[in-house]
Amino acid sequence: MLRLTEVALLCAAVEPDRRPKVQDIVRMIEEIAAGTVDGPEPAGQH
């Protein structure tokens, strides 16, 4: 959930040129859904 919130914050950047492209957003969300993003494992997933 934290990673998805981080993506949302990128999309809400004040300056439009600092926002990611749609294809990049899709890729990030797909990586989150697939669990291929580096980071701590969610509780209970060990």
N, C-alpha and C. Protein backbone atom coordinates (compact mmCIF):
# COMPACT_ATOMS: atom_id res chain seq x y z
N MET A 1 0.83 -1.19 0.00
CA MET A 1 0.00 0.00 0.00
C MET A 1 0.87 1.25 0.00
N LEU A 2 1.99 1.22 0.69
CA LEU A 2 2.88 2.37 0.74
C LEU A 2 3.42 2.70 -0.65
N ARG A 3 3.81 1.69 -1.40
CA ARG A 3 4.36 1.92 -2.74
C ARG A 3 3.31 2.56 -3.66
N LEU A 4 2.08 2.12 -3.54
CA LEU A 4 1.01 2.68 -4.36
C LEU A 4 0.77 4.15 -3.99
N THR A 5 0.88 4.46 -2.72
CA THR A 5 0.76 5.84 -2.27
C THR A 5 1.89 6.69 -2.83
N GLU A 6 3.08 6.13 -2.89
CA GLU A 6 4.22 6.86 -3.46
C GLU A 6 3.98 7.17 -4.94
N VAL A 7 3.41 6.21 -5.67
CA VAL A 7 3.08 6.44 -7.08
C VAL A 7 2.04 7.55 -7.19
N ALA A 8 1.04 7.52 -6.33
CA ALA A 8 0.01 8.55 -6.35
C ALA A 8 0.61 9.93 -6.09
N LEU A 9 1.55 10.02 -5.18
CA LEU A 9 2.20 11.31 -4.90
C LEU A 9 2.99 11.80 -6.11
N LEU A 10 3.63 10.90 -6.82
CA LEU A 10 4.33 11.30 -8.04
C LEU A 10 3.36 11.89 -9.06
N CYS A 11 2.19 11.29 -9.15
CA CYS A 11 1.17 11.75 -10.10
C CYS A 11 0.59 13.10 -9.72
N ALA A 12 0.70 13.45 -8.45
CA ALA A 12 0.12 14.70 -7.96
C ALA A 12 1.15 15.82 -7.86
N ALA A 13 2.31 15.65 -8.48
CA ALA A 13 3.34 16.69 -8.44
C ALA A 13 2.77 18.01 -8.94
N VAL A 14 3.14 19.09 -8.28
CA VAL A 14 2.62 20.42 -8.63
C VAL A 14 3.01 20.80 -10.06
N GLU A 15 4.24 20.53 -10.42
CA GLU A 15 4.72 20.86 -11.77
C GLU A 15 4.41 19.69 -12.71
N PRO A 16 3.60 19.93 -13.74
CA PRO A 16 3.21 18.84 -14.65
C PRO A 16 4.39 18.10 -15.28
N ASP A 17 5.48 18.78 -15.56
CA ASP A 17 6.62 18.11 -16.19
C ASP A 17 7.36 17.19 -15.23
N ARG A 18 7.03 17.23 -13.96
CA ARG A 18 7.65 16.34 -12.97
C ARG A 18 6.79 15.10 -12.72
N ARG A 19 5.62 15.03 -13.34
CA ARG A 19 4.74 13.87 -13.20
C ARG A 19 5.19 12.77 -14.17
N PRO A 20 5.08 11.51 -13.75
CA PRO A 20 5.48 10.42 -14.65
C PRO A 20 4.49 10.27 -15.81
N LYS A 21 4.98 9.68 -16.88
CA LYS A 21 4.13 9.38 -18.03
C LYS A 21 3.21 8.22 -17.68
N VAL A 22 2.08 8.15 -18.37
CA VAL A 22 1.09 7.10 -18.08
C VAL A 22 1.71 5.71 -18.20
N GLN A 23 2.51 5.49 -19.24
CA GLN A 23 3.11 4.15 -19.40
C GLN A 23 4.05 3.81 -18.24
N ASP A 24 4.70 4.83 -17.67
CA ASP A 24 5.56 4.60 -16.51
C ASP A 24 4.73 4.26 -15.27
N ILE A 25 3.60 4.94 -15.13
CA ILE A 25 2.70 4.67 -14.00
C ILE A 25 2.18 3.23 -14.09
N VAL A 26 1.77 2.83 -15.29
CA VAL A 26 1.27 1.47 -15.49
C VAL A 26 2.35 0.46 -15.13
N ARG A 27 3.58 0.70 -15.58
CA ARG A 27 4.69 -0.22 -15.28
C ARG A 27 4.91 -0.31 -13.77
N MET A 28 4.91 0.84 -13.08
CA MET A 28 5.12 0.85 -11.63
C MET A 28 4.03 0.05 -10.92
N ILE A 29 2.78 0.26 -11.33
CA ILE A 29 1.67 -0.46 -10.69
C ILE A 29 1.76 -1.95 -10.98
N GLU A 30 2.13 -2.32 -12.19
CA GLU A 30 2.29 -3.75 -12.52
C GLU A 30 3.40 -4.37 -11.68
N GLU A 31 4.49 -3.65 -11.48
CA GLU A 31 5.59 -4.16 -10.65
C GLU A 31 5.14 -4.32 -9.20
N ILE A 32 4.36 -3.38 -8.71
CA ILE A 32 3.84 -3.48 -7.35
C ILE A 32 2.94 -4.70 -7.23
N ALA A 33 2.04 -4.87 -8.20
CA ALA A 33 1.10 -6.00 -8.17
C ALA A 33 1.83 -7.33 -8.27
N ALA A 34 2.91 -7.37 -9.04
CA ALA A 34 3.67 -8.61 -9.21
C ALA A 34 4.61 -8.87 -8.05
N GLY A 35 4.82 -7.87 -7.21
CA GLY A 35 5.71 -8.03 -6.08
C GLY A 35 7.17 -7.97 -6.47
N THR A 36 7.49 -7.32 -7.60
CA THR A 36 8.88 -7.26 -8.05
C THR A 36 9.59 -5.98 -7.64
N VAL A 37 8.94 -5.17 -6.82
CA VAL A 37 9.56 -3.93 -6.36
C VAL A 37 10.39 -4.24 -5.13
N ASP A 38 11.62 -3.74 -5.09
CA ASP A 38 12.47 -3.95 -3.92
C ASP A 38 11.89 -3.23 -2.72
N GLY A 39 12.04 -3.82 -1.58
CA GLY A 39 11.56 -3.19 -0.35
C GLY A 39 11.22 -4.26 0.66
N PRO A 40 10.80 -3.84 1.83
CA PRO A 40 10.46 -4.82 2.87
C PRO A 40 9.24 -5.63 2.48
N GLU A 41 9.25 -6.89 2.90
CA GLU A 41 8.11 -7.75 2.63
C GLU A 41 6.96 -7.37 3.55
N PRO A 42 5.74 -7.45 3.06
CA PRO A 42 4.58 -7.18 3.92
C PRO A 42 4.52 -8.18 5.06
N ALA A 43 3.99 -7.77 6.19
CA ALA A 43 3.87 -8.64 7.35
C ALA A 43 3.08 -9.89 6.97
N GLY A 44 3.53 -11.04 7.45
CA GLY A 44 2.85 -12.29 7.18
C GLY A 44 3.22 -12.92 5.85
N GLN A 45 4.14 -12.35 5.12
CA GLN A 45 4.53 -12.88 3.81
C GLN A 45 5.90 -13.55 3.85
N HIS A 46 6.43 -13.83 5.02
CA HIS A 46 7.78 -14.39 5.15
C HIS A 46 7.79 -15.85 4.82
